[in-house]
Amino acid sequence: MFDHLTAKAAQSLSLSDEERIVQILSPKWIGYPAAQEVLNKLSDLLVHPKTHRMPNLLIIGETNNGKTMIAKKFCKMYPPDLNEGGNAAKVPVLFVQAPPVPDEGRFYNNILELLAAPHKTSDRVDKKEHQVRTLLERIGTKVLIVDEIHHVLAGSLNK
């Protein structure tokens, strides 16, 4: 009867009204060519060999044009590994929200909070920077994605 539907769509018909509403309102990935090109460029950042000036990628666009969706899709492509037998989790891609105003100290606080690292918000910026750099190296972060209101910045951190 529902042969014209994909298996996932047909399966959705058996969900309750509330479950279908949640499914309908949930974000959807649409891999249009420009988005795929950005994902490919982000993947290139992940494997870029260390140089004296590591490459970056700035994605600029109006609100609700998919910048954050692309960044989150990239994060899902390279998820963290808890590395339960090791000393620290492996986090090849880290997604962090920029503070609403340009403030280096708050930016480092956001990263430290995201990593559940003990820190004092009142510490000097250079101390927080050192702590962040040390932690990112320890967890193997290769790409740091910073989400802001109108753009997303991704930078390669390969060491």
C-alpha atoms as a PDB file:
ATOM      1  CA  MET A   1       0.000   0.000   0.000  1.00  0.00           C
ATOM      2  CA  PHE A   2       2.912   2.374   0.741  1.00  0.00           C
ATOM      3  CA  ASP A   3       5.312   1.028  -1.876  1.00  0.00           C
ATOM      4  CA  HIS A   4       5.992   4.558  -3.097  1.00  0.00           C
ATOM      5  CA  LEU A   5       7.557   5.529   0.267  1.00  0.00           C
ATOM      6  CA  THR A   6      11.084   4.912   1.478  1.00  0.00           C
ATOM      7  CA  ALA A   7      11.423   2.374   4.281  1.00  0.00           C
ATOM      8  CA  LYS A   8      12.092   5.155   6.790  1.00  0.00           C
ATOM      9  CA  ALA A   9       9.031   7.140   5.672  1.00  0.00           C
ATOM     10  CA  ALA A  10       6.814   4.052   5.825  1.00  0.00           C
ATOM     11  CA  GLN A  11       8.131   3.259   9.306  1.00  0.00           C
ATOM     12  CA  SER A  12       7.240   6.788  10.436  1.00  0.00           C
ATOM     13  CA  LEU A  13       3.571   6.067   9.746  1.00  0.00           C
ATOM     14  CA  SER A  14       3.487   3.702  12.723  1.00  0.00           C
ATOM     15  CA  LEU A  15       4.699   6.399  15.137  1.00  0.00           C
ATOM     16  CA  SER A  16       2.363   8.269  17.466  1.00  0.00           C
ATOM     17  CA  ASP A  17       1.273  11.789  16.534  1.00  0.00           C
ATOM     18  CA  GLU A  18       3.712  13.265  19.061  1.00  0.00           C
ATOM     19  CA  GLU A  19       6.619  11.186  17.734  1.00  0.00           C
ATOM     20  CA  ARG A  20       5.837  12.168  14.143  1.00  0.00           C
ATOM     21  CA  ILE A  21       5.661  15.839  15.099  1.00  0.00           C
ATOM     22  CA  VAL A  22       9.071  15.603  16.792  1.00  0.00           C
ATOM     23  CA  GLN A  23      10.450  13.853  13.703  1.00  0.00           C
ATOM     24  CA  ILE A  24       8.998  16.477  11.366  1.00  0.00           C
ATOM     25  CA  LEU A  25      10.373  19.363  13.443  1.00  0.00           C
ATOM     26  CA  SER A  26      13.843  17.807  13.844  1.00  0.00           C
ATOM     27  CA  PRO A  27      16.701  19.207  11.754  1.00  0.00           C
ATOM     28  CA  LYS A  28      17.238  17.456   8.416  1.00  0.00           C
ATOM     29  CA  TRP A  29      20.437  17.156   6.415  1.00  0.00           C
ATOM     30  CA  ILE A  30      20.113  17.991   2.739  1.00  0.00           C
ATOM     31  CA  GLY A  31      23.456  17.356   1.067  1.00  0.00           C
ATOM     32  CA  TYR A  32      23.290  19.951  -1.696  1.00  0.00           C
ATOM     33  CA  PRO A  33      26.477  20.363  -3.801  1.00  0.00           C
ATOM     34  CA  ALA A  34      27.782  23.505  -2.060  1.00  0.00           C
ATOM     35  CA  ALA A  35      27.353  21.897   1.364  1.00  0.00           C
ATOM     36  CA  GLN A  36      29.195  18.788   0.182  1.00  0.00           C
ATOM     37  CA  GLU A  37      32.014  20.967  -1.142  1.00  0.00           C
ATOM     38  CA  VAL A  38      32.366  22.632   2.274  1.00  0.00           C
ATOM     39  CA  LEU A  39      32.392  19.213   3.988  1.00  0.00           C
ATOM     40  CA  ASN A  40      35.175  18.136   1.619  1.00  0.00           C
ATOM     41  CA  LYS A  41      37.196  21.262   2.445  1.00  0.00           C
ATOM     42  CA  LEU A  42      36.687  20.627   6.169  1.00  0.00           C
ATOM     43  CA  SER A  43      37.888  17.042   5.692  1.00  0.00           C
ATOM     44  CA  ASP A  44      41.003  18.409   3.979  1.00  0.00           C
ATOM     45  CA  LEU A  45      41.695  20.499   7.097  1.00  0.00           C
ATOM     46  CA  LEU A  46      41.530  17.371   9.213  1.00  0.00           C
ATOM     47  CA  VAL A  47      44.401  15.665   7.395  1.00  0.00           C
ATOM     48  CA  HIS A  48      46.505  18.702   6.510  1.00  0.00           C
ATOM     49  CA  PRO A  49      50.154  18.210   7.516  1.00  0.00           C
ATOM     50  CA  LYS A  50      51.641  20.637  10.004  1.00  0.00           C
ATOM     51  CA  THR A  51      52.953  23.827   8.465  1.00  0.00           C
ATOM     52  CA  HIS A  52      54.030  27.150   9.921  1.00  0.00           C
ATOM     53  CA  ARG A  53      50.631  28.593   8.924  1.00  0.00           C
ATOM     54  CA  MET A  54      47.833  26.112   9.260  1.00  0.00           C
ATOM     55  CA  PRO A  55      44.882  26.618   6.895  1.00  0.00           C
ATOM     56  CA  ASN A  56      41.484  27.864   7.993  1.00  0.00           C
ATOM     57  CA  LEU A  57      38.041  28.030   6.455  1.00  0.00           C
ATOM     58  CA  LEU A  58      35.556  30.817   7.059  1.00  0.00           C
ATOM     59  CA  ILE A  59      31.941  30.124   6.132  1.00  0.00           C
ATOM     60  CA  ILE A  60      29.901  33.312   5.850  1.00  0.00           C
ATOM     61  CA  GLY A  61      26.194  33.604   5.218  1.00  0.00           C
ATOM     62  CA  GLU A  62      22.926  35.001   6.420  1.00  0.00           C
ATOM     63  CA  THR A  63      21.207  33.474   9.428  1.00  0.00           C
ATOM     64  CA  ASN A  64      19.411  30.175   8.725  1.00  0.00           C
ATOM     65  CA  ASN A  65      21.433  29.350   5.598  1.00  0.00           C
ATOM     66  CA  GLY A  66      22.885  26.097   6.995  1.00  0.00           C
ATOM     67  CA  LYS A  67      26.356  27.075   8.257  1.00  0.00           C
ATOM     68  CA  THR A  68      25.911  25.494  11.673  1.00  0.00           C
ATOM     69  CA  MET A  69      24.169  22.466  10.149  1.00  0.00           C
ATOM     70  CA  ILE A  70      27.207  21.843   7.926  1.00  0.00           C
ATOM     71  CA  ALA A  71      29.552  22.215  10.912  1.00  0.00           C
ATOM     72  CA  LYS A  72      27.500  19.806  13.031  1.00  0.00           C
ATOM     73  CA  LYS A  73      27.307  17.313  10.157  1.00  0.00           C
ATOM     74  CA  PHE A  74      31.116  17.439   9.963  1.00  0.00           C
ATOM     75  CA  CYS A  75      31.359  16.818  13.705  1.00  0.00           C
ATOM     76  CA  LYS A  76      29.120  13.742  13.312  1.00  0.00           C
ATOM     77  CA  MET A  77      31.406  12.460  10.553  1.00  0.00           C
ATOM     78  CA  TYR A  78      34.351  12.501  13.003  1.00  0.00           C
ATOM     79  CA  PRO A  79      32.851  11.748  16.426  1.00  0.00           C
ATOM     80  CA  PRO A  80      34.844  11.625  19.657  1.00  0.00           C
ATOM     81  CA  ASP A  81      36.300   8.303  20.794  1.00  0.00           C
ATOM     82  CA  LEU A  82      36.006   7.836  24.555  1.00  0.00           C
ATOM     83  CA  ASN A  83      39.285   5.861  24.489  1.00  0.00           C
ATOM     84  CA  GLU A  84      38.295   4.126  27.708  1.00  0.00           C
ATOM     85  CA  GLY A  85      41.574   2.193  27.849  1.00  0.00           C
ATOM     86  CA  GLY A  86      43.667   5.346  27.415  1.00  0.00           C
ATOM     87  CA  ASN A  87      44.316   8.458  29.415  1.00  0.00           C
ATOM     88  CA  ALA A  88      42.033  10.839  27.530  1.00  0.00           C
ATOM     89  CA  ALA A  89      39.222  10.813  25.011  1.00  0.00           C
ATOM     90  CA  LYS A  90      40.175  11.428  21.398  1.00  0.00           C
ATOM     91  CA  VAL A  91      38.284  14.388  19.943  1.00  0.00           C
ATOM     92  CA  PRO A  92      39.422  15.048  16.367  1.00  0.00           C
ATOM     93  CA  VAL A  93      36.836  17.807  15.812  1.00  0.00           C
ATOM     94  CA  LEU A  94      35.682  20.185  18.513  1.00  0.00           C
ATOM     95  CA  PHE A  95      32.678  22.472  18.022  1.00  0.00           C
ATOM     96  CA  VAL A  96      32.531  25.518  20.287  1.00  0.00           C
ATOM     97  CA  GLN A  97      30.138  28.454  20.470  1.00  0.00           C
ATOM     98  CA  ALA A  98      31.795  31.866  20.381  1.00  0.00           C
ATOM     99  CA  PRO A  99      30.852  34.312  23.126  1.00  0.00           C
ATOM    100  CA  PRO A 100      28.332  36.978  22.080  1.00  0.00           C
ATOM    101  CA  VAL A 101      31.041  39.664  22.304  1.00  0.00           C
ATOM    102  CA  PRO A 102      34.699  39.371  21.259  1.00  0.00           C
ATOM    103  CA  ASP A 103      36.388  38.300  24.490  1.00  0.00           C
ATOM    104  CA  GLU A 104      39.377  35.977  24.429  1.00  0.00           C
ATOM    105  CA  GLY A 105      38.969  35.002  28.090  1.00  0.00           C
ATOM    106  CA  ARG A 106      35.311  34.053  27.644  1.00  0.00           C
ATOM    107  CA  PHE A 107      36.211  32.124  24.491  1.00  0.00           C
ATOM    108  CA  TYR A 108      38.740  30.018  26.419  1.00  0.00           C
ATOM    109  CA  ASN A 109      36.224  29.607  29.245  1.00  0.00           C
ATOM    110  CA  ASN A 110      33.721  28.192  26.720  1.00  0.00           C
ATOM    111  CA  ILE A 111      36.269  25.629  25.508  1.00  0.00           C
ATOM    112  CA  LEU A 112      37.287  24.656  29.036  1.00  0.00           C
ATOM    113  CA  GLU A 113      33.637  24.279  30.083  1.00  0.00           C
ATOM    114  CA  LEU A 114      32.913  22.211  26.981  1.00  0.00           C
ATOM    115  CA  LEU A 115      35.789  19.879  27.908  1.00  0.00           C
ATOM    116  CA  ALA A 116      34.684  19.803  31.568  1.00  0.00           C
ATOM    117  CA  ALA A 117      38.146  20.996  32.535  1.00  0.00           C
ATOM    118  CA  PRO A 118      38.624  22.551  35.950  1.00  0.00           C
ATOM    119  CA  HIS A 119      39.424  26.243  35.623  1.00  0.00           C
ATOM    120  CA  LYS A 120      38.864  29.620  37.192  1.00  0.00           C
ATOM    121  CA  THR A 121      37.031  32.148  35.065  1.00  0.00           C
ATOM    122  CA  SER A 122      39.139  34.828  36.765  1.00  0.00           C
ATOM    123  CA  ASP A 123      42.462  33.309  35.608  1.00  0.00           C
ATOM    124  CA  ARG A 124      44.627  35.358  33.289  1.00  0.00           C
ATOM    125  CA  VAL A 125      43.992  34.838  29.569  1.00  0.00           C
ATOM    126  CA  ASP A 126      47.502  33.484  28.948  1.00  0.00           C
ATOM    127  CA  LYS A 127      46.986  30.790  31.591  1.00  0.00           C
ATOM    128  CA  LYS A 128      43.653  29.740  30.056  1.00  0.00           C
ATOM    129  CA  GLU A 129      45.203  29.760  26.577  1.00  0.00           C
ATOM    130  CA  HIS A 130      47.997  27.457  27.733  1.00  0.00           C
ATOM    131  CA  GLN A 131      45.489  25.131  29.395  1.00  0.00           C
ATOM    132  CA  VAL A 132      43.321  25.004  26.254  1.00  0.00           C
ATOM    133  CA  ARG A 133      46.295  24.342  23.955  1.00  0.00           C
ATOM    134  CA  THR A 134      47.547  21.572  26.249  1.00  0.00           C
ATOM    135  CA  LEU A 135      44.112  19.952  26.472  1.00  0.00           C
ATOM    136  CA  LEU A 136      43.435  20.126  22.725  1.00  0.00           C
ATOM    137  CA  GLU A 137      46.795  18.505  22.015  1.00  0.00           C
ATOM    138  CA  ARG A 138      46.151  15.803  24.622  1.00  0.00           C
ATOM    139  CA  ILE A 139      42.745  14.877  23.201  1.00  0.00           C
ATOM    140  CA  GLY A 140      44.053  14.958  19.637  1.00  0.00           C
ATOM    141  CA  THR A 141      41.912  17.796  18.326  1.00  0.00           C
ATOM    142  CA  LYS A 142      42.767  18.415  14.679  1.00  0.00           C
ATOM    143  CA  VAL A 143      40.018  20.885  13.739  1.00  0.00           C
ATOM    144  CA  LEU A 144      38.428  23.510  15.951  1.00  0.00           C
ATOM    145  CA  ILE A 145      35.081  24.798  14.711  1.00  0.00           C
ATOM    146  CA  VAL A 146      33.902  28.115  16.130  1.00  0.00           C
ATOM    147  CA  ASP A 147      30.255  28.998  15.596  1.00  0.00           C
ATOM    148  CA  GLU A 148      29.256  32.641  15.582  1.00  0.00           C
ATOM    149  CA  ILE A 149      26.081  34.440  14.582  1.00  0.00           C
ATOM    150  CA  HIS A 150      26.838  35.040  10.887  1.00  0.00           C
ATOM    151  CA  HIS A 151      29.803  32.763  10.224  1.00  0.00           C
ATOM    152  CA  VAL A 152      31.577  29.557  11.131  1.00  0.00           C
ATOM    153  CA  LEU A 153      35.365  29.389  11.347  1.00  0.00           C
ATOM    154  CA  ALA A 154      37.189  26.065  11.143  1.00  0.00           C
ATOM    155  CA  GLY A 155      40.920  25.848  11.682  1.00  0.00           C
ATOM    156  CA  SER A 156      43.375  22.975  11.391  1.00  0.00           C
ATOM    157  CA  LEU A 157      45.345  22.317  14.567  1.00  0.00           C
ATOM    158  CA  ASN A 158      47.479  19.368  13.404  1.00  0.00           C
ATOM    159  CA  LYS A 159      50.700  19.171  15.346  1.00  0.00           C
END
